[in-house]
PDB file of all heavy atoms in Angstrom:
ATOM      1  N   GLY A   1       0.819  -1.201   0.001  1.00  0.00           N
ATOM      2  CA  GLY A   1       0.000   0.000   0.000  1.00  0.00           C
ATOM      3  C   GLY A   1       0.851   1.250   0.000  1.00  0.00           C
ATOM      4  O   GLY A   1       2.052   1.175   0.190  1.00  0.00           O
ATOM      5  N   PRO A   2       0.247   2.370  -0.259  1.00  0.00           N
ATOM      6  CA  PRO A   2      -1.178   2.490  -0.581  1.00  0.00           C
ATOM      7  C   PRO A   2      -1.479   1.944  -1.970  1.00  0.00           C
ATOM      8  O   PRO A   2      -0.614   1.896  -2.832  1.00  0.00           O
ATOM      9  CB  PRO A   2      -1.430   3.995  -0.518  1.00  0.00           C
ATOM     10  CG  PRO A   2      -0.121   4.613  -0.857  1.00  0.00           C
ATOM     11  CD  PRO A   2       0.924   3.669  -0.309  1.00  0.00           C
ATOM     12  N   TRP A   3      -2.731   1.515  -2.146  1.00  0.00           N
ATOM     13  CA  TRP A   3      -3.169   1.067  -3.459  1.00  0.00           C
ATOM     14  C   TRP A   3      -3.454   2.290  -4.322  1.00  0.00           C
ATOM     15  O   TRP A   3      -3.943   3.311  -3.838  1.00  0.00           O
ATOM     16  CB  TRP A   3      -4.457   0.265  -3.356  1.00  0.00           C
ATOM     17  CG  TRP A   3      -4.323  -1.091  -2.730  1.00  0.00           C
ATOM     18  CD1 TRP A   3      -3.173  -1.700  -2.309  1.00  0.00           C
ATOM     19  CD2 TRP A   3      -5.380  -1.997  -2.460  1.00  0.00           C
ATOM     20  NE1 TRP A   3      -3.456  -2.937  -1.804  1.00  0.00           N
ATOM     21  CE2 TRP A   3      -4.811  -3.148  -1.877  1.00  0.00           C
ATOM     22  CE3 TRP A   3      -6.753  -1.950  -2.648  1.00  0.00           C
ATOM     23  CZ2 TRP A   3      -5.572  -4.238  -1.490  1.00  0.00           C
ATOM     24  CZ3 TRP A   3      -7.508  -3.033  -2.261  1.00  0.00           C
ATOM     25  CH2 TRP A   3      -6.922  -4.170  -1.693  1.00  0.00           C
ATOM     26  N   LEU A   4      -3.157   2.184  -5.590  1.00  0.00           N
ATOM     27  CA  LEU A   4      -3.550   3.187  -6.570  1.00  0.00           C
ATOM     28  C   LEU A   4      -4.693   2.562  -7.356  1.00  0.00           C
ATOM     29  O   LEU A   4      -4.481   1.626  -8.129  1.00  0.00           O
ATOM     30  CB  LEU A   4      -2.378   3.545  -7.485  1.00  0.00           C
ATOM     31  CG  LEU A   4      -1.145   4.087  -6.746  1.00  0.00           C
ATOM     32  CD1 LEU A   4       0.023   4.227  -7.698  1.00  0.00           C
ATOM     33  CD2 LEU A   4      -1.467   5.410  -6.085  1.00  0.00           C
ATOM     34  N   VAL A   5      -5.900   3.033  -7.110  1.00  0.00           N
ATOM     35  CA  VAL A   5      -7.107   2.428  -7.674  1.00  0.00           C
ATOM     36  C   VAL A   5      -7.619   3.313  -8.802  1.00  0.00           C
ATOM     37  O   VAL A   5      -7.881   4.496  -8.602  1.00  0.00           O
ATOM     38  CB  VAL A   5      -8.198   2.240  -6.597  1.00  0.00           C
ATOM     39  CG1 VAL A   5      -9.441   1.626  -7.183  1.00  0.00           C
ATOM     40  CG2 VAL A   5      -7.662   1.398  -5.439  1.00  0.00           C
ATOM     41  N   GLY A   6      -7.752   2.737  -9.989  1.00  0.00           N
ATOM     42  CA  GLY A   6      -8.243   3.486 -11.138  1.00  0.00           C
ATOM     43  C   GLY A   6      -8.070   2.689 -12.399  1.00  0.00           C
ATOM     44  O   GLY A   6      -7.774   1.500 -12.373  1.00  0.00           O
ATOM     45  N   GLY A   7      -8.214   3.348 -13.512  1.00  0.00           N
ATOM     46  CA  GLY A   7      -8.074   2.699 -14.811  1.00  0.00           C
ATOM     47  C   GLY A   7      -9.204   3.099 -15.723  1.00  0.00           C
ATOM     48  O   GLY A   7     -10.237   3.592 -15.275  1.00  0.00           O
ATOM     49  N   GLY A   8      -8.990   2.890 -16.980  1.00  0.00           N
ATOM     50  CA  GLY A   8     -10.001   3.308 -17.944  1.00  0.00           C
ATOM     51  C   GLY A   8     -10.158   4.815 -17.902  1.00  0.00           C
ATOM     52  O   GLY A   8      -9.194   5.545 -18.047  1.00  0.00           O
ATOM     53  N   ASP A   9     -11.366   5.286 -17.643  1.00  0.00           N
ATOM     54  CA  ASP A   9     -11.590   6.731 -17.556  1.00  0.00           C
ATOM     55  C   ASP A   9     -11.590   7.228 -16.112  1.00  0.00           C
ATOM     56  O   ASP A   9     -11.952   8.358 -15.838  1.00  0.00           O
ATOM     57  CB  ASP A   9     -12.897   7.111 -18.255  1.00  0.00           C
ATOM     58  CG  ASP A   9     -14.103   6.370 -17.705  1.00  0.00           C
ATOM     59  OD1 ASP A   9     -13.928   5.506 -16.837  1.00  0.00           O
ATOM     60  OD2 ASP A   9     -15.222   6.666 -18.166  1.00  0.00           O
ATOM     61  N   THR A  10     -11.151   6.359 -15.177  1.00  0.00           N
ATOM     62  CA  THR A  10     -11.069   6.734 -13.768  1.00  0.00           C
ATOM     63  C   THR A  10      -9.611   6.993 -13.401  1.00  0.00           C
ATOM     64  O   THR A  10      -8.775   6.113 -13.567  1.00  0.00           O
ATOM     65  CB  THR A  10     -11.621   5.604 -12.865  1.00  0.00           C
ATOM     66  OG1 THR A  10     -12.937   5.288 -13.291  1.00  0.00           O
ATOM     67  CG2 THR A  10     -11.638   6.025 -11.410  1.00  0.00           C
ATOM     68  N   GLU A  11      -9.308   8.194 -12.936  1.00  0.00           N
ATOM     69  CA  GLU A  11      -7.943   8.531 -12.542  1.00  0.00           C
ATOM     70  C   GLU A  11      -7.540   7.721 -11.311  1.00  0.00           C
ATOM     71  O   GLU A  11      -8.339   7.533 -10.401  1.00  0.00           O
ATOM     72  CB  GLU A  11      -7.857  10.022 -12.223  1.00  0.00           C
ATOM     73  CG  GLU A  11      -6.458  10.475 -11.908  1.00  0.00           C
ATOM     74  CD  GLU A  11      -6.373  11.977 -11.702  1.00  0.00           C
ATOM     75  OE1 GLU A  11      -7.218  12.701 -12.246  1.00  0.00           O
ATOM     76  OE2 GLU A  11      -5.455  12.402 -10.997  1.00  0.00           O
ATOM     77  N   ALA A  12      -6.304   7.218 -11.305  1.00  0.00           N
ATOM     78  CA  ALA A  12      -5.813   6.427 -10.173  1.00  0.00           C
ATOM     79  C   ALA A  12      -5.760   7.295  -8.919  1.00  0.00           C
ATOM     80  O   ALA A  12      -5.188   8.374  -8.922  1.00  0.00           O
ATOM     81  CB  ALA A  12      -4.444   5.849 -10.476  1.00  0.00           C
ATOM     82  N   THR A  13      -6.379   6.807  -7.855  1.00  0.00           N
ATOM     83  CA  THR A  13      -6.445   7.509  -6.585  1.00  0.00           C
ATOM     84  C   THR A  13      -5.770   6.671  -5.517  1.00  0.00           C
ATOM     85  O   THR A  13      -6.049   5.475  -5.406  1.00  0.00           O
ATOM     86  CB  THR A  13      -7.924   7.728  -6.184  1.00  0.00           C
ATOM     87  OG1 THR A  13      -8.580   8.435  -7.227  1.00  0.00           O
ATOM     88  CG2 THR A  13      -8.038   8.492  -4.890  1.00  0.00           C
ATOM     89  N   PRO A  14      -4.861   7.264  -4.718  1.00  0.00           N
ATOM     90  CA  PRO A  14      -4.262   6.495  -3.622  1.00  0.00           C
ATOM     91  C   PRO A  14      -5.310   6.145  -2.571  1.00  0.00           C
ATOM     92  O   PRO A  14      -6.097   6.997  -2.159  1.00  0.00           O
ATOM     93  CB  PRO A  14      -3.224   7.451  -3.029  1.00  0.00           C
ATOM     94  CG  PRO A  14      -3.068   8.563  -4.004  1.00  0.00           C
ATOM     95  CD  PRO A  14      -4.323   8.606  -4.814  1.00  0.00           C
ATOM     96  N   CYS A  15      -5.361   4.877  -2.173  1.00  0.00           N
ATOM     97  CA  CYS A  15      -6.308   4.397  -1.170  1.00  0.00           C
ATOM     98  C   CYS A  15      -5.572   3.535  -0.150  1.00  0.00           C
ATOM     99  O   CYS A  15      -4.794   2.660  -0.538  1.00  0.00           O
ATOM    100  CB  CYS A  15      -7.405   3.554  -1.810  1.00  0.00           C
ATOM    101  SG  CYS A  15      -8.451   4.422  -2.982  1.00  0.00           S
ATOM    102  N   ARG A  16      -5.848   3.757   1.108  1.00  0.00           N
ATOM    103  CA  ARG A  16      -5.282   2.917   2.158  1.00  0.00           C
ATOM    104  C   ARG A  16      -6.304   1.852   2.535  1.00  0.00           C
ATOM    105  O   ARG A  16      -7.491   2.133   2.667  1.00  0.00           O
ATOM    106  CB  ARG A  16      -4.934   3.744   3.375  1.00  0.00           C
ATOM    107  CG  ARG A  16      -3.840   4.735   3.094  1.00  0.00           C
ATOM    108  CD  ARG A  16      -3.005   5.010   4.340  1.00  0.00           C
ATOM    109  NE  ARG A  16      -1.944   5.929   4.038  1.00  0.00           N
ATOM    110  CZ  ARG A  16      -0.762   5.586   3.536  1.00  0.00           C
ATOM    111  NH1 ARG A  16      -0.501   4.333   3.288  1.00  0.00           N
ATOM    112  NH2 ARG A  16       0.160   6.489   3.287  1.00  0.00           N
ATOM    113  N   VAL A  17      -5.809   0.634   2.718  1.00  0.00           N
ATOM    114  CA  VAL A  17      -6.667  -0.470   3.122  1.00  0.00           C
ATOM    115  C   VAL A  17      -6.909  -0.356   4.625  1.00  0.00           C
ATOM    116  O   VAL A  17      -5.973  -0.375   5.412  1.00  0.00           O
ATOM    117  CB  VAL A  17      -6.031  -1.833   2.782  1.00  0.00           C
ATOM    118  CG1 VAL A  17      -6.903  -2.975   3.280  1.00  0.00           C
ATOM    119  CG2 VAL A  17      -5.795  -1.945   1.284  1.00  0.00           C
ATOM    120  N   ARG A  18      -8.164  -0.189   5.000  1.00  0.00           N
ATOM    121  CA  ARG A  18      -8.542  -0.102   6.411  1.00  0.00           C
ATOM    122  C   ARG A  18      -8.560  -1.497   7.036  1.00  0.00           C
ATOM    123  O   ARG A  18      -8.110  -1.708   8.154  1.00  0.00           O
ATOM    124  CB  ARG A  18      -9.917   0.566   6.511  1.00  0.00           C
ATOM    125  CG  ARG A  18     -10.372   0.861   7.883  1.00  0.00           C
ATOM    126  CD  ARG A  18     -11.694   1.614   7.934  1.00  0.00           C
ATOM    127  NE  ARG A  18     -12.360   1.727   6.651  1.00  0.00           N
ATOM    128  CZ  ARG A  18     -13.178   2.713   6.319  1.00  0.00           C
ATOM    129  NH1 ARG A  18     -13.433   3.671   7.164  1.00  0.00           N
ATOM    130  NH2 ARG A  18     -13.757   2.739   5.145  1.00  0.00           N
ATOM    131  N   SER A  19      -9.089  -2.457   6.261  1.00  0.00           N
ATOM    132  CA  SER A  19      -9.193  -3.831   6.734  1.00  0.00           C
ATOM    133  C   SER A  19      -9.383  -4.723   5.518  1.00  0.00           C
ATOM    134  O   SER A  19      -9.909  -4.287   4.499  1.00  0.00           O
ATOM    135  CB  SER A  19     -10.391  -3.967   7.677  1.00  0.00           C
ATOM    136  OG  SER A  19     -10.488  -5.266   8.195  1.00  0.00           O
ATOM    137  N   GLY A  20      -8.954  -5.961   5.622  1.00  0.00           N
ATOM    138  CA  GLY A  20      -9.138  -6.899   4.528  1.00  0.00           C
ATOM    139  C   GLY A  20      -8.945  -8.323   5.009  1.00  0.00           C
ATOM    140  O   GLY A  20      -8.275  -8.556   6.021  1.00  0.00           O
ATOM    141  N   ARG A  21      -9.538  -9.258   4.284  1.00  0.00           N
ATOM    142  CA  ARG A  21      -9.414 -10.663   4.683  1.00  0.00           C
ATOM    143  C   ARG A  21      -9.881 -11.568   3.549  1.00  0.00           C
ATOM    144  O   ARG A  21     -10.540 -11.128   2.616  1.00  0.00           O
ATOM    145  CB  ARG A  21     -10.217 -10.937   5.935  1.00  0.00           C
ATOM    146  CG  ARG A  21     -11.721 -10.791   5.769  1.00  0.00           C
ATOM    147  CD  ARG A  21     -12.466 -11.104   7.058  1.00  0.00           C
ATOM    148  NE  ARG A  21     -13.887 -11.035   6.890  1.00  0.00           N
ATOM    149  CZ  ARG A  21     -14.630  -9.956   7.039  1.00  0.00           C
ATOM    150  NH1 ARG A  21     -14.067  -8.807   7.366  1.00  0.00           N
ATOM    151  NH2 ARG A  21     -15.933 -10.004   6.880  1.00  0.00           N
ATOM    152  N   ARG A  22      -9.527 -12.851   3.696  1.00  0.00           N
ATOM    153  CA  ARG A  22     -10.040 -13.859   2.772  1.00  0.00           C
ATOM    154  C   ARG A  22     -11.539 -14.019   3.025  1.00  0.00           C
ATOM    155  O   ARG A  22     -11.999 -13.916   4.153  1.00  0.00           O
ATOM    156  CB  ARG A  22      -9.358 -15.197   2.996  1.00  0.00           C
ATOM    157  CG  ARG A  22      -7.949 -15.238   2.495  1.00  0.00           C
ATOM    158  CD  ARG A  22      -7.402 -16.660   2.639  1.00  0.00           C
ATOM    159  NE  ARG A  22      -6.075 -16.744   2.118  1.00  0.00           N
ATOM    160  CZ  ARG A  22      -5.788 -17.177   0.887  1.00  0.00           C
ATOM    161  NH1 ARG A  22      -6.752 -17.556   0.089  1.00  0.00           N
ATOM    162  NH2 ARG A  22      -4.544 -17.216   0.471  1.00  0.00           N
ATOM    163  N   HIS A  23     -12.267 -14.272   1.964  1.00  0.00           N
ATOM    164  CA  HIS A  23     -13.701 -14.513   2.082  1.00  0.00           C
ATOM    165  C   HIS A  23     -14.066 -15.529   1.010  1.00  0.00           C
ATOM    166  O   HIS A  23     -14.043 -15.211  -0.186  1.00  0.00           O
ATOM    167  CB  HIS A  23     -14.486 -13.223   1.900  1.00  0.00           C
ATOM    168  CG  HIS A  23     -15.954 -13.398   2.082  1.00  0.00           C
ATOM    169  ND1 HIS A  23     -16.525 -13.568   3.314  1.00  0.00           N
ATOM    170  CD2 HIS A  23     -16.973 -13.451   1.181  1.00  0.00           C
ATOM    171  CE1 HIS A  23     -17.831 -13.703   3.168  1.00  0.00           C
ATOM    172  NE2 HIS A  23     -18.123 -13.642   1.880  1.00  0.00           N
ATOM    173  N   GLY A  24     -14.362 -16.745   1.410  1.00  0.00           N
ATOM    174  CA  GLY A  24     -14.609 -17.812   0.447  1.00  0.00           C
ATOM    175  C   GLY A  24     -13.340 -18.084  -0.340  1.00  0.00           C
ATOM    176  O   GLY A  24     -12.275 -18.265   0.228  1.00  0.00           O
ATOM    177  N   THR A  25     -13.433 -18.030  -1.656  1.00  0.00           N
ATOM    178  CA  THR A  25     -12.265 -18.258  -2.502  1.00  0.00           C
ATOM    179  C   THR A  25     -11.577 -16.960  -2.897  1.00  0.00           C
ATOM    180  O   THR A  25     -10.594 -16.987  -3.635  1.00  0.00           O
ATOM    181  CB  THR A  25     -12.665 -19.016  -3.789  1.00  0.00           C
ATOM    182  OG1 THR A  25     -13.627 -18.234  -4.493  1.00  0.00           O
ATOM    183  CG2 THR A  25     -13.234 -20.381  -3.461  1.00  0.00           C
ATOM    184  N   GLY A  26     -12.092 -15.825  -2.435  1.00  0.00           N
ATOM    185  CA  GLY A  26     -11.522 -14.533  -2.808  1.00  0.00           C
ATOM    186  C   GLY A  26     -11.142 -13.705  -1.609  1.00  0.00           C
ATOM    187  O   GLY A  26     -10.924 -14.219  -0.514  1.00  0.00           O
ATOM    188  N   LEU A  27     -11.077 -12.402  -1.824  1.00  0.00           N
ATOM    189  CA  LEU A  27     -10.724 -11.442  -0.787  1.00  0.00           C
ATOM    190  C   LEU A  27     -11.750 -10.325  -0.768  1.00  0.00           C
ATOM    191  O   LEU A  27     -12.333  -9.987  -1.803  1.00  0.00           O
ATOM    192  CB  LEU A  27      -9.356 -10.814  -1.076  1.00  0.00           C
ATOM    193  CG  LEU A  27      -8.151 -11.715  -1.124  1.00  0.00           C
ATOM    194  CD1 LEU A  27      -6.963 -10.949  -1.686  1.00  0.00           C
ATOM    195  CD2 LEU A  27      -7.822 -12.228   0.264  1.00  0.00           C
ATOM    196  N   ILE A  28     -11.936  -9.741   0.414  1.00  0.00           N
ATOM    197  CA  ILE A  28     -12.727  -8.523   0.536  1.00  0.00           C
ATOM    198  C   ILE A  28     -11.879  -7.501   1.284  1.00  0.00           C
ATOM    199  O   ILE A  28     -10.987  -7.868   2.055  1.00  0.00           O
ATOM    200  CB  ILE A  28     -14.078  -8.759   1.253  1.00  0.00           C
ATOM    201  CG1 ILE A  28     -13.888  -9.363   2.639  1.00  0.00           C
ATOM    202  CG2 ILE A  28     -14.997  -9.605   0.386  1.00  0.00           C
ATOM    203  CD1 ILE A  28     -15.169  -9.464   3.455  1.00  0.00           C
ATOM    204  N   ALA A  29     -12.140  -6.223   1.026  1.00  0.00           N
ATOM    205  CA  ALA A  29     -11.361  -5.169   1.666  1.00  0.00           C
ATOM    206  C   ALA A  29     -12.229  -3.941   1.895  1.00  0.00           C
ATOM    207  O   ALA A  29     -13.173  -3.675   1.149  1.00  0.00           O
ATOM    208  CB  ALA A  29     -10.150  -4.796   0.811  1.00  0.00           C
ATOM    209  N   SER A  30     -11.870  -3.206   2.933  1.00  0.00           N
ATOM    210  CA  SER A  30     -12.481  -1.922   3.241  1.00  0.00           C
ATOM    211  C   SER A  30     -11.411  -0.857   3.046  1.00  0.00           C
ATOM    212  O   SER A  30     -10.319  -0.967   3.606  1.00  0.00           O
ATOM    213  CB  SER A  30     -12.992  -1.914   4.685  1.00  0.00           C
ATOM    214  OG  SER A  30     -13.415  -0.625   5.064  1.00  0.00           O
TER     215      SER A  30
END
């Protein structure tokens, strides 16, 4: 981190992961 979230027509924005964990076969994050 921080993650840079964006792409396409969305400008990359720095984001900090507040919380995250495995969920089933994938991941979820706040």
